[in-house]
Structure formats: C-alpha cells, structure tokens
Amino acid sequence: MSEVKIYKDTPIPGRWQQFWQRYRRHKGAMLGLMFLLVILMFALFSPLLAPHDPTEQFSQFLRYPPAWTEKGINEFLLGTDDLGRDLFSRIVYGSRLSLGLSAAVVLIAALFGILLGAIAGLSKGIIEFAIMRIMDIILAVPSLLLAIVIIAIIGPGLPNAIYAVAIVLIPHFVRIVRATIKEEMNKDYVIAAKLDGANGARLFTHSILPNILPPLIVQVSLAFSTAIVDIAALGFLGLGAQPPNPEWGTILSQSRDFIQLAPWTVTIPGLAILITVLSINLVGDGLRDALDPMESRG
C-alpha cells in the first residue's frame, strides 16, 4: 500500500543557494556583476578580441577618432592615439594588465594581512600591540601618498608598484581579521576547540577562519577596486607600468597632452577605469548585503 502525502515537500535551499537568492535581489550588484564579467572576458581573451597588437603603430592613422564619428574608420573602433596605435586593442590588453596586477596586489595583501591579523588576534601583549601600532601608522597616511613614498625609496617599476600598493592594503585585512577573531574567541565552538587541545594555528585554520570568510570576501572586493585605482594612479605618474605597456593609467599619462586635439584618447581609458571600479564596488555592496545574514548566524 503506497504512502499518501498530505503535505507537499518543500525543498530547503542550501547555504549558497540562499546567498545567490539574496544577491540576485540587489539589482545594482547584478548589473555590476554583468559588467565585471564582460571586463574579465576581455582580460582572458585579449589576443582573440583585440584586432591589432597594442604596440603596433599605424603612422598614416595618427589620432583618428572613434569609428562612429564622421572621420572615424571601422578598422579602429575606438580610434587611435598620437602614435597611431589602436586604442581598442590597448584598452582590451590593458584590462588584462590592470586586473592581473590588481589581483596580484590583493593576493599579497590578503595573505600577509590574514597572517598578521591572526597573530594579533590570537596573541596578547607586546606582539599584538606592536602589530596594531604599525598598522595604525600605515593607515594614518593616505594610501596613494604612502605608495608613492615607498616607490620613491625602492624605485619605480611594475614589480615595485605591486609591492607598494600591497603594503598599503595589508592593514585593512589585519584589522578586520583581528576584530573578527576577538569576536569569535568568546563563542562556544571556539571554547570547545580550545578545551579539546587545539593550538593557535589549528584553532584559526579549522575553527575560526571558515566563520570569518564573509567579511574577508567583502574586504577583498573593496581592496580590488582600491588596487585598480592606485595602480592606475602610479602608472599615470610614471611610477608604475612604463610605456609602451598598455596599462590604463599609463595610457592616460601618454594622452594627457592631447586632451583637446584627441579627447577620446583620455576619455576612453578613464571610462574603462571608472566602469571597472564601479562594477567591483557594486559587486562588493551586493556581497556585503547577501553575506550579512550568514555573518549574523556566526
């Protein structure tokens, strides 16, 4: 005899399904995610999408306007710069360079920041005091200004720009990791792990870290947008990527003298930076709103 069900079974969505449902309600975050995916597509498939080499010069097409204008030609969708280089190809390849450099910066900052934050959160006394005071000193100086000072000491160049921007982002990770560890230390699951004999390293990696991932994910998104702006600013000042690298800040720096003769050579890379940073910030806002309920459940 078959069992008769009076009530209809209602599937309960998993944790990440609930997260996605909350994220989808944030219209701005979904729009930012769409733009960010397009930018990532440009970065990943630059050789396939760019019609020309970013450093190739067409001397007969100097400062040609975008294709949709009266004097533009279809071969150069976004026009050319003062050296006859295809601006669309440079922007596409620049997305790979700018996003790749920013990802390296955030990775370095997150690794060192989480490590130092864990040490400060799990220790007391002079170690915690020394780490936090150093972080406070770094935070007291504007990030871009500090990055310029660091590069002035170690010298300009792409690797040094990565290190400089990573250093100024580390304190943000340290502070958030330390604060969340201090909050988690008084919870039952941490006390139980300590009574079970877990040392500091095991306590952090196995018990605390999985429960502080939501604020860390949000911080990564915020650090990513900051890294893009700072790297572009250093490139604009001639302290980061050097010509002929098609980094967005470097493109702006090379085109600033032609803002009246060829305004598209400044407007287009500026819009690329603006749209990318805005998209990442919108995604970060959506992540924060979607992860708040998980965070509150601890």
C-alpha atoms as a PDB file:
ATOM      1  CA  MET A   1       0.000   0.000   0.000  1.00  0.00           C
ATOM      2  CA  SER A   2       1.517   3.320  -1.094  1.00  0.00           C
ATOM      3  CA  GLU A   3       2.023   6.113   1.381  1.00  0.00           C
ATOM      4  CA  VAL A   4      -0.240   9.114   0.884  1.00  0.00           C
ATOM      5  CA  LYS A   5       1.415  12.503   1.419  1.00  0.00           C
ATOM      6  CA  ILE A   6      -0.875  15.119   2.873  1.00  0.00           C
ATOM      7  CA  TYR A   7       1.642  17.963   2.721  1.00  0.00           C
ATOM      8  CA  LYS A   8       3.754  18.853  -0.270  1.00  0.00           C
ATOM      9  CA  ASP A   9       7.501  18.568   0.264  1.00  0.00           C
ATOM     10  CA  THR A  10       9.207  21.940   0.104  1.00  0.00           C
ATOM     11  CA  PRO A  11      12.934  21.715  -0.718  1.00  0.00           C
ATOM     12  CA  ILE A  12      15.097  23.808   1.574  1.00  0.00           C
ATOM     13  CA  PRO A  13      17.794  25.690  -0.380  1.00  0.00           C
ATOM     14  CA  GLY A  14      21.373  25.257   0.715  1.00  0.00           C
ATOM     15  CA  ARG A  15      23.556  27.978   2.156  1.00  0.00           C
ATOM     16  CA  TRP A  16      24.993  29.102  -1.166  1.00  0.00           C
ATOM     17  CA  GLN A  17      21.578  28.913  -2.852  1.00  0.00           C
ATOM     18  CA  GLN A  18      20.244  31.270  -0.198  1.00  0.00           C
ATOM     19  CA  PHE A  19      23.241  33.526  -0.759  1.00  0.00           C
ATOM     20  CA  TRP A  20      22.587  33.661  -4.512  1.00  0.00           C
ATOM     21  CA  GLN A  21      18.892  34.374  -3.962  1.00  0.00           C
ATOM     22  CA  ARG A  22      19.756  37.314  -1.714  1.00  0.00           C
ATOM     23  CA  TYR A  23      22.415  38.558  -4.117  1.00  0.00           C
ATOM     24  CA  ARG A  24      20.032  38.462  -7.087  1.00  0.00           C
ATOM     25  CA  ARG A  25      17.641  40.800  -5.293  1.00  0.00           C
ATOM     26  CA  HIS A  26      20.320  43.513  -5.409  1.00  0.00           C
ATOM     27  CA  LYS A  27      19.757  44.978  -8.905  1.00  0.00           C
ATOM     28  CA  GLY A  28      22.835  47.176  -8.792  1.00  0.00           C
ATOM     29  CA  ALA A  29      25.010  44.212  -7.793  1.00  0.00           C
ATOM     30  CA  MET A  30      23.671  42.141 -10.680  1.00  0.00           C
ATOM     31  CA  LEU A  31      24.390  44.992 -13.097  1.00  0.00           C
ATOM     32  CA  GLY A  32      27.900  45.334 -11.680  1.00  0.00           C
ATOM     33  CA  LEU A  33      28.430  41.586 -11.999  1.00  0.00           C
ATOM     34  CA  MET A  34      27.406  41.657 -15.666  1.00  0.00           C
ATOM     35  CA  PHE A  35      29.855  44.470 -16.458  1.00  0.00           C
ATOM     36  CA  LEU A  36      32.604  42.777 -14.446  1.00  0.00           C
ATOM     37  CA  LEU A  37      32.119  39.510 -16.324  1.00  0.00           C
ATOM     38  CA  VAL A  38      32.435  41.370 -19.631  1.00  0.00           C
ATOM     39  CA  ILE A  39      35.653  43.031 -18.450  1.00  0.00           C
ATOM     40  CA  LEU A  40      37.002  39.668 -17.287  1.00  0.00           C
ATOM     41  CA  MET A  41      36.146  38.233 -20.703  1.00  0.00           C
ATOM     42  CA  PHE A  42      38.191  40.990 -22.348  1.00  0.00           C
ATOM     43  CA  ALA A  43      41.090  40.247 -19.991  1.00  0.00           C
ATOM     44  CA  LEU A  44      41.018  36.482 -20.527  1.00  0.00           C
ATOM     45  CA  PHE A  45      40.566  36.549 -24.289  1.00  0.00           C
ATOM     46  CA  SER A  46      42.572  39.655 -25.197  1.00  0.00           C
ATOM     47  CA  PRO A  47      44.537  38.019 -28.061  1.00  0.00           C
ATOM     48  CA  LEU A  48      41.293  36.856 -29.660  1.00  0.00           C
ATOM     49  CA  LEU A  49      39.281  40.045 -29.186  1.00  0.00           C
ATOM     50  CA  ALA A  50      41.918  42.674 -29.976  1.00  0.00           C
ATOM     51  CA  PRO A  51      42.195  43.310 -33.751  1.00  0.00           C
ATOM     52  CA  HIS A  52      45.770  44.644 -33.539  1.00  0.00           C
ATOM     53  CA  ASP A  53      48.876  44.345 -31.432  1.00  0.00           C
ATOM     54  CA  PRO A  54      48.641  47.000 -28.681  1.00  0.00           C
ATOM     55  CA  THR A  55      52.093  48.379 -29.534  1.00  0.00           C
ATOM     56  CA  GLU A  56      51.704  48.338 -33.335  1.00  0.00           C
ATOM     57  CA  GLN A  57      51.903  51.820 -34.837  1.00  0.00           C
ATOM     58  CA  PHE A  58      49.970  52.934 -37.940  1.00  0.00           C
ATOM     59  CA  SER A  59      51.792  56.127 -38.907  1.00  0.00           C
ATOM     60  CA  GLN A  60      49.204  57.025 -41.543  1.00  0.00           C
ATOM     61  CA  PHE A  61      46.379  56.980 -38.943  1.00  0.00           C
ATOM     62  CA  LEU A  62      47.588  59.313 -36.186  1.00  0.00           C
ATOM     63  CA  ARG A  63      44.889  60.474 -33.741  1.00  0.00           C
ATOM     64  CA  TYR A  64      41.977  59.071 -35.729  1.00  0.00           C
ATOM     65  CA  PRO A  65      38.630  59.474 -33.894  1.00  0.00           C
ATOM     66  CA  PRO A  66      36.353  56.515 -32.966  1.00  0.00           C
ATOM     67  CA  ALA A  67      34.586  54.645 -35.754  1.00  0.00           C
ATOM     68  CA  TRP A  68      31.117  56.087 -35.007  1.00  0.00           C
ATOM     69  CA  THR A  69      32.252  59.669 -35.642  1.00  0.00           C
ATOM     70  CA  GLU A  70      32.281  61.386 -39.021  1.00  0.00           C
ATOM     71  CA  LYS A  71      36.019  60.999 -39.633  1.00  0.00           C
ATOM     72  CA  GLY A  72      36.381  57.601 -37.986  1.00  0.00           C
ATOM     73  CA  ILE A  73      37.039  54.327 -39.811  1.00  0.00           C
ATOM     74  CA  ASN A  74      35.771  50.867 -38.964  1.00  0.00           C
ATOM     75  CA  GLU A  75      39.262  49.400 -38.654  1.00  0.00           C
ATOM     76  CA  PHE A  76      39.814  51.364 -35.430  1.00  0.00           C
ATOM     77  CA  LEU A  77      36.695  51.042 -33.313  1.00  0.00           C
ATOM     78  CA  LEU A  78      37.795  53.443 -30.557  1.00  0.00           C
ATOM     79  CA  GLY A  79      40.177  55.463 -32.695  1.00  0.00           C
ATOM     80  CA  THR A  80      43.964  55.747 -32.458  1.00  0.00           C
ATOM     81  CA  ASP A  81      46.388  57.627 -30.223  1.00  0.00           C
ATOM     82  CA  ASP A  82      49.140  60.100 -31.100  1.00  0.00           C
ATOM     83  CA  LEU A  83      51.412  57.256 -32.299  1.00  0.00           C
ATOM     84  CA  GLY A  84      48.740  55.604 -34.446  1.00  0.00           C
ATOM     85  CA  ARG A  85      48.146  52.682 -32.064  1.00  0.00           C
ATOM     86  CA  ASP A  86      44.675  51.128 -31.985  1.00  0.00           C
ATOM     87  CA  LEU A  87      43.035  52.347 -28.773  1.00  0.00           C
ATOM     88  CA  PHE A  88      40.547  49.458 -28.593  1.00  0.00           C
ATOM     89  CA  SER A  89      43.377  46.915 -28.672  1.00  0.00           C
ATOM     90  CA  ARG A  90      45.255  48.832 -25.989  1.00  0.00           C
ATOM     91  CA  ILE A  91      42.188  49.014 -23.737  1.00  0.00           C
ATOM     92  CA  VAL A  92      41.497  45.294 -24.187  1.00  0.00           C
ATOM     93  CA  TYR A  93      45.083  44.297 -23.416  1.00  0.00           C
ATOM     94  CA  GLY A  94      45.136  46.881 -20.640  1.00  0.00           C
ATOM     95  CA  SER A  95      42.237  45.107 -18.926  1.00  0.00           C
ATOM     96  CA  ARG A  96      44.431  42.016 -18.627  1.00  0.00           C
ATOM     97  CA  LEU A  97      47.316  44.046 -17.235  1.00  0.00           C
ATOM     98  CA  SER A  98      45.264  46.173 -14.827  1.00  0.00           C
ATOM     99  CA  LEU A  99      43.149  43.302 -13.497  1.00  0.00           C
ATOM    100  CA  GLY A 100      46.134  40.953 -13.297  1.00  0.00           C
ATOM    101  CA  LEU A 101      48.239  43.454 -11.366  1.00  0.00           C
ATOM    102  CA  SER A 102      45.343  44.225  -9.024  1.00  0.00           C
ATOM    103  CA  ALA A 103      44.738  40.518  -8.413  1.00  0.00           C
ATOM    104  CA  ALA A 104      48.421  40.045  -7.521  1.00  0.00           C
ATOM    105  CA  VAL A 105      48.266  43.041  -5.165  1.00  0.00           C
ATOM    106  CA  VAL A 106      45.139  41.764  -3.400  1.00  0.00           C
ATOM    107  CA  LEU A 107      46.553  38.242  -3.111  1.00  0.00           C
ATOM    108  CA  ILE A 108      49.759  39.505  -1.466  1.00  0.00           C
ATOM    109  CA  ALA A 109      47.882  41.899   0.815  1.00  0.00           C
ATOM    110  CA  ALA A 110      45.332  39.261   1.823  1.00  0.00           C
ATOM    111  CA  LEU A 111      47.939  36.584   2.615  1.00  0.00           C
ATOM    112  CA  PHE A 112      50.108  38.858   4.767  1.00  0.00           C
ATOM    113  CA  GLY A 113      47.106  40.658   6.247  1.00  0.00           C
ATOM    114  CA  ILE A 114      45.368  37.444   7.307  1.00  0.00           C
ATOM    115  CA  LEU A 115      48.611  36.085   8.771  1.00  0.00           C
ATOM    116  CA  LEU A 116      49.382  39.234  10.765  1.00  0.00           C
ATOM    117  CA  GLY A 117      45.741  39.627  11.776  1.00  0.00           C
ATOM    118  CA  ALA A 118      45.638  36.050  13.048  1.00  0.00           C
ATOM    119  CA  ILE A 119      48.819  36.570  15.059  1.00  0.00           C
ATOM    120  CA  ALA A 120      47.446  39.798  16.547  1.00  0.00           C
ATOM    121  CA  GLY A 121      44.046  38.263  17.264  1.00  0.00           C
ATOM    122  CA  LEU A 122      45.360  35.107  18.927  1.00  0.00           C
ATOM    123  CA  SER A 123      48.151  36.773  20.915  1.00  0.00           C
ATOM    124  CA  LYS A 124      48.206  39.378  23.658  1.00  0.00           C
ATOM    125  CA  GLY A 125      50.684  41.842  24.995  1.00  0.00           C
ATOM    126  CA  ILE A 126      53.639  43.273  23.149  1.00  0.00           C
ATOM    127  CA  ILE A 127      53.146  41.264  19.917  1.00  0.00           C
ATOM    128  CA  GLU A 128      49.573  42.411  19.412  1.00  0.00           C
ATOM    129  CA  PHE A 129      50.446  45.965  20.445  1.00  0.00           C
ATOM    130  CA  ALA A 130      53.404  46.185  18.021  1.00  0.00           C
ATOM    131  CA  ILE A 131      51.456  44.798  15.044  1.00  0.00           C
ATOM    132  CA  MET A 132      48.461  47.067  15.552  1.00  0.00           C
ATOM    133  CA  ARG A 133      50.532  50.207  16.115  1.00  0.00           C
ATOM    134  CA  ILE A 134      52.449  49.583  12.878  1.00  0.00           C
ATOM    135  CA  MET A 135      49.137  49.102  11.071  1.00  0.00           C
ATOM    136  CA  ASP A 136      47.806  52.339  12.589  1.00  0.00           C
ATOM    137  CA  ILE A 137      50.877  54.219  11.344  1.00  0.00           C
ATOM    138  CA  ILE A 138      50.362  52.881   7.814  1.00  0.00           C
ATOM    139  CA  LEU A 139      46.646  53.769   7.903  1.00  0.00           C
ATOM    140  CA  ALA A 140      47.431  57.293   9.108  1.00  0.00           C
ATOM    141  CA  VAL A 141      48.953  58.135   5.700  1.00  0.00           C
ATOM    142  CA  PRO A 142      46.741  58.274   2.556  1.00  0.00           C
ATOM    143  CA  SER A 143      47.232  55.048   0.604  1.00  0.00           C
ATOM    144  CA  LEU A 144      48.359  56.627  -2.678  1.00  0.00           C
ATOM    145  CA  LEU A 145      50.753  59.005  -0.943  1.00  0.00           C
ATOM    146  CA  LEU A 146      52.295  56.140   1.017  1.00  0.00           C
ATOM    147  CA  ALA A 147      52.633  54.072  -2.158  1.00  0.00           C
ATOM    148  CA  ILE A 148      54.455  56.989  -3.825  1.00  0.00           C
ATOM    149  CA  VAL A 149      56.804  57.284  -0.830  1.00  0.00           C
ATOM    150  CA  ILE A 150      57.554  53.539  -0.916  1.00  0.00           C
ATOM    151  CA  ILE A 151      58.276  53.633  -4.661  1.00  0.00           C
ATOM    152  CA  ALA A 152      60.482  56.686  -4.146  1.00  0.00           C
ATOM    153  CA  ILE A 153      62.541  54.539  -1.762  1.00  0.00           C
ATOM    154  CA  ILE A 154      62.672  51.251  -3.677  1.00  0.00           C
ATOM    155  CA  GLY A 155      62.489  52.727  -7.186  1.00  0.00           C
ATOM    156  CA  PRO A 156      59.813  52.930  -9.932  1.00  0.00           C
ATOM    157  CA  GLY A 157      58.679  49.942 -11.966  1.00  0.00           C
ATOM    158  CA  LEU A 158      55.892  47.430 -12.226  1.00  0.00           C
ATOM    159  CA  PRO A 159      57.034  44.931  -9.529  1.00  0.00           C
ATOM    160  CA  ASN A 160      57.747  47.731  -7.067  1.00  0.00           C
ATOM    161  CA  ALA A 161      54.323  49.239  -7.725  1.00  0.00           C
ATOM    162  CA  ILE A 162      52.734  45.891  -6.845  1.00  0.00           C
ATOM    163  CA  TYR A 163      54.671  45.694  -3.581  1.00  0.00           C
ATOM    164  CA  ALA A 164      53.912  49.317  -2.680  1.00  0.00           C
ATOM    165  CA  VAL A 165      50.153  49.052  -3.205  1.00  0.00           C
ATOM    166  CA  ALA A 166      50.052  45.677  -1.427  1.00  0.00           C
ATOM    167  CA  ILE A 167      51.764  47.184   1.633  1.00  0.00           C
ATOM    168  CA  VAL A 168      49.185  49.963   1.938  1.00  0.00           C
ATOM    169  CA  LEU A 169      46.312  47.432   1.703  1.00  0.00           C
ATOM    170  CA  ILE A 170      47.635  44.998   4.332  1.00  0.00           C
ATOM    171  CA  PRO A 171      46.373  46.977   7.385  1.00  0.00           C
ATOM    172  CA  HIS A 172      42.753  46.707   6.233  1.00  0.00           C
ATOM    173  CA  PHE A 173      42.956  42.913   6.271  1.00  0.00           C
ATOM    174  CA  VAL A 174      44.843  42.901   9.585  1.00  0.00           C
ATOM    175  CA  ARG A 175      42.227  44.999  11.342  1.00  0.00           C
ATOM    176  CA  ILE A 176      39.229  43.075  10.064  1.00  0.00           C
ATOM    177  CA  VAL A 177      40.795  39.664  10.815  1.00  0.00           C
ATOM    178  CA  ARG A 178      41.868  40.690  14.313  1.00  0.00           C
ATOM    179  CA  ALA A 179      38.452  42.209  15.110  1.00  0.00           C
ATOM    180  CA  THR A 180      36.528  39.156  13.930  1.00  0.00           C
ATOM    181  CA  ILE A 181      38.875  36.774  15.761  1.00  0.00           C
ATOM    182  CA  LYS A 182      38.368  38.695  19.015  1.00  0.00           C
ATOM    183  CA  GLU A 183      34.624  38.418  18.488  1.00  0.00           C
ATOM    184  CA  GLU A 184      34.725  34.704  17.677  1.00  0.00           C
ATOM    185  CA  MET A 185      37.012  33.765  20.588  1.00  0.00           C
ATOM    186  CA  ASN A 186      34.144  34.018  23.097  1.00  0.00           C
ATOM    187  CA  LYS A 187      31.829  31.712  21.167  1.00  0.00           C
ATOM    188  CA  ASP A 188      31.079  28.176  22.257  1.00  0.00           C
ATOM    189  CA  TYR A 189      32.621  26.373  19.289  1.00  0.00           C
ATOM    190  CA  VAL A 190      35.975  28.092  19.834  1.00  0.00           C
ATOM    191  CA  ILE A 191      35.942  27.379  23.563  1.00  0.00           C
ATOM    192  CA  ALA A 192      35.142  23.740  22.801  1.00  0.00           C
ATOM    193  CA  ALA A 193      38.039  23.521  20.349  1.00  0.00           C
ATOM    194  CA  LYS A 194      40.409  25.034  22.926  1.00  0.00           C
ATOM    195  CA  LEU A 195      39.251  22.541  25.565  1.00  0.00           C
ATOM    196  CA  ASP A 196      39.860  19.801  23.024  1.00  0.00           C
ATOM    197  CA  GLY A 197      43.539  20.819  22.948  1.00  0.00           C
ATOM    198  CA  ALA A 198      43.697  22.743  19.647  1.00  0.00           C
ATOM    199  CA  ASN A 199      46.714  25.044  19.384  1.00  0.00           C
ATOM    200  CA  GLY A 200      46.532  28.555  17.969  1.00  0.00           C
ATOM    201  CA  ALA A 201      47.269  27.634  14.356  1.00  0.00           C
ATOM    202  CA  ARG A 202      44.779  24.775  14.255  1.00  0.00           C
ATOM    203  CA  LEU A 203      42.193  26.848  16.098  1.00  0.00           C
ATOM    204  CA  PHE A 204      42.425  29.577  13.461  1.00  0.00           C
ATOM    205  CA  THR A 205      42.578  27.444  10.315  1.00  0.00           C
ATOM    206  CA  HIS A 206      39.972  24.828  11.284  1.00  0.00           C
ATOM    207  CA  SER A 207      37.551  26.697  13.527  1.00  0.00           C
ATOM    208  CA  ILE A 208      37.755  30.478  13.148  1.00  0.00           C
ATOM    209  CA  LEU A 209      38.764  31.074   9.508  1.00  0.00           C
ATOM    210  CA  PRO A 210      35.723  29.355   7.915  1.00  0.00           C
ATOM    211  CA  ASN A 211      33.452  31.542  10.045  1.00  0.00           C
ATOM    212  CA  ILE A 212      35.112  34.855   9.161  1.00  0.00           C
ATOM    213  CA  LEU A 213      35.172  34.299   5.395  1.00  0.00           C
ATOM    214  CA  PRO A 214      32.143  36.561   4.660  1.00  0.00           C
ATOM    215  CA  PRO A 215      33.773  39.812   5.879  1.00  0.00           C
ATOM    216  CA  LEU A 216      37.033  38.745   4.235  1.00  0.00           C
ATOM    217  CA  ILE A 217      35.297  38.244   0.889  1.00  0.00           C
ATOM    218  CA  VAL A 218      33.781  41.722   1.105  1.00  0.00           C
ATOM    219  CA  GLN A 219      37.181  43.204   2.029  1.00  0.00           C
ATOM    220  CA  VAL A 220      38.782  41.504  -0.975  1.00  0.00           C
ATOM    221  CA  SER A 221      36.283  43.174  -3.310  1.00  0.00           C
ATOM    222  CA  LEU A 222      36.929  46.584  -1.730  1.00  0.00           C
ATOM    223  CA  ALA A 223      40.705  46.083  -1.874  1.00  0.00           C
ATOM    224  CA  PHE A 224      40.455  45.064  -5.530  1.00  0.00           C
ATOM    225  CA  SER A 225      38.849  48.350  -6.576  1.00  0.00           C
ATOM    226  CA  THR A 226      41.363  50.321  -4.480  1.00  0.00           C
ATOM    227  CA  ALA A 227      44.244  48.422  -6.109  1.00  0.00           C
ATOM    228  CA  ILE A 228      42.989  49.249  -9.621  1.00  0.00           C
ATOM    229  CA  VAL A 229      42.781  52.968  -8.824  1.00  0.00           C
ATOM    230  CA  ASP A 230      46.181  53.093  -7.085  1.00  0.00           C
ATOM    231  CA  ILE A 231      47.962  51.139  -9.827  1.00  0.00           C
ATOM    232  CA  ALA A 232      46.392  53.365 -12.481  1.00  0.00           C
ATOM    233  CA  ALA A 233      47.430  56.461 -10.499  1.00  0.00           C
ATOM    234  CA  LEU A 234      51.015  55.204 -10.194  1.00  0.00           C
ATOM    235  CA  GLY A 235      51.070  54.445 -13.913  1.00  0.00           C
ATOM    236  CA  PHE A 236      49.739  57.935 -14.637  1.00  0.00           C
ATOM    237  CA  LEU A 237      52.545  59.437 -12.535  1.00  0.00           C
ATOM    238  CA  GLY A 238      55.152  57.323 -14.327  1.00  0.00           C
ATOM    239  CA  LEU A 239      55.934  55.273 -11.214  1.00  0.00           C
ATOM    240  CA  GLY A 240      54.186  52.042 -12.182  1.00  0.00           C
ATOM    241  CA  ALA A 241      53.886  50.372 -15.572  1.00  0.00           C
ATOM    242  CA  GLN A 242      56.184  52.002 -18.125  1.00  0.00           C
ATOM    243  CA  PRO A 243      55.449  52.680 -21.816  1.00  0.00           C
ATOM    244  CA  PRO A 244      54.671  51.001 -24.129  1.00  0.00           C
ATOM    245  CA  ASN A 245      52.779  48.741 -21.675  1.00  0.00           C
ATOM    246  CA  PRO A 246      49.032  49.293 -22.300  1.00  0.00           C
ATOM    247  CA  GLU A 247      48.138  49.771 -18.631  1.00  0.00           C
ATOM    248  CA  TRP A 248      45.158  52.102 -18.295  1.00  0.00           C
ATOM    249  CA  GLY A 249      46.920  54.662 -16.104  1.00  0.00           C
ATOM    250  CA  THR A 250      49.917  54.701 -18.438  1.00  0.00           C
ATOM    251  CA  ILE A 251      47.619  55.225 -21.439  1.00  0.00           C
ATOM    252  CA  LEU A 252      46.092  58.223 -19.662  1.00  0.00           C
ATOM    253  CA  SER A 253      49.532  59.616 -18.884  1.00  0.00           C
ATOM    254  CA  GLN A 254      50.670  59.380 -22.506  1.00  0.00           C
ATOM    255  CA  SER A 255      47.468  61.001 -23.807  1.00  0.00           C
ATOM    256  CA  ARG A 256      47.034  63.906 -21.377  1.00  0.00           C
ATOM    257  CA  ASP A 257      48.858  66.360 -23.673  1.00  0.00           C
ATOM    258  CA  PHE A 258      46.317  65.673 -26.430  1.00  0.00           C
ATOM    259  CA  ILE A 259      43.137  66.134 -24.394  1.00  0.00           C
ATOM    260  CA  GLN A 260      41.997  68.966 -26.706  1.00  0.00           C
ATOM    261  CA  LEU A 261      43.233  67.552 -30.012  1.00  0.00           C
ATOM    262  CA  ALA A 262      42.155  63.948 -29.341  1.00  0.00           C
ATOM    263  CA  PRO A 263      39.866  63.857 -26.263  1.00  0.00           C
ATOM    264  CA  TRP A 264      38.867  60.221 -26.872  1.00  0.00           C
ATOM    265  CA  THR A 265      42.406  59.084 -26.027  1.00  0.00           C
ATOM    266  CA  VAL A 266      41.820  60.342 -22.473  1.00  0.00           C
ATOM    267  CA  THR A 267      38.076  59.774 -22.104  1.00  0.00           C
ATOM    268  CA  ILE A 268      38.027  56.113 -23.118  1.00  0.00           C
ATOM    269  CA  PRO A 269      40.729  54.769 -20.742  1.00  0.00           C
ATOM    270  CA  GLY A 270      39.240  56.967 -17.988  1.00  0.00           C
ATOM    271  CA  LEU A 271      35.835  55.399 -18.601  1.00  0.00           C
ATOM    272  CA  ALA A 272      37.422  51.928 -18.533  1.00  0.00           C
ATOM    273  CA  ILE A 273      38.826  52.625 -15.065  1.00  0.00           C
ATOM    274  CA  LEU A 274      35.560  54.175 -13.871  1.00  0.00           C
ATOM    275  CA  ILE A 275      33.333  51.349 -15.121  1.00  0.00           C
ATOM    276  CA  THR A 276      35.632  48.656 -13.713  1.00  0.00           C
ATOM    277  CA  VAL A 277      35.896  50.247 -10.265  1.00  0.00           C
ATOM    278  CA  LEU A 278      32.165  50.995 -10.161  1.00  0.00           C
ATOM    279  CA  SER A 279      31.326  47.407 -11.161  1.00  0.00           C
ATOM    280  CA  ILE A 280      33.577  45.964  -8.460  1.00  0.00           C
ATOM    281  CA  ASN A 281      32.089  48.292  -5.839  1.00  0.00           C
ATOM    282  CA  LEU A 282      28.557  47.301  -6.834  1.00  0.00           C
ATOM    283  CA  VAL A 283      29.515  43.633  -6.596  1.00  0.00           C
ATOM    284  CA  GLY A 284      31.069  44.319  -3.184  1.00  0.00           C
ATOM    285  CA  ASP A 285      27.866  46.008  -1.970  1.00  0.00           C
ATOM    286  CA  GLY A 286      25.851  43.023  -3.139  1.00  0.00           C
ATOM    287  CA  LEU A 287      28.212  40.601  -1.419  1.00  0.00           C
ATOM    288  CA  ARG A 288      28.002  42.555   1.835  1.00  0.00           C
ATOM    289  CA  ASP A 289      24.183  42.594   1.772  1.00  0.00           C
ATOM    290  CA  ALA A 290      23.956  38.920   0.798  1.00  0.00           C
ATOM    291  CA  LEU A 291      26.509  37.725   3.351  1.00  0.00           C
ATOM    292  CA  ASP A 292      25.185  39.710   6.322  1.00  0.00           C
ATOM    293  CA  PRO A 293      22.607  37.039   7.280  1.00  0.00           C
ATOM    294  CA  MET A 294      25.327  34.354   7.207  1.00  0.00           C
ATOM    295  CA  GLU A 295      27.573  36.561   9.283  1.00  0.00           C
ATOM    296  CA  SER A 296      24.902  37.131  11.886  1.00  0.00           C
ATOM    297  CA  ARG A 297      24.415  33.392  12.288  1.00  0.00           C
ATOM    298  CA  GLY A 298      28.161  33.068  13.014  1.00  0.00           C
END
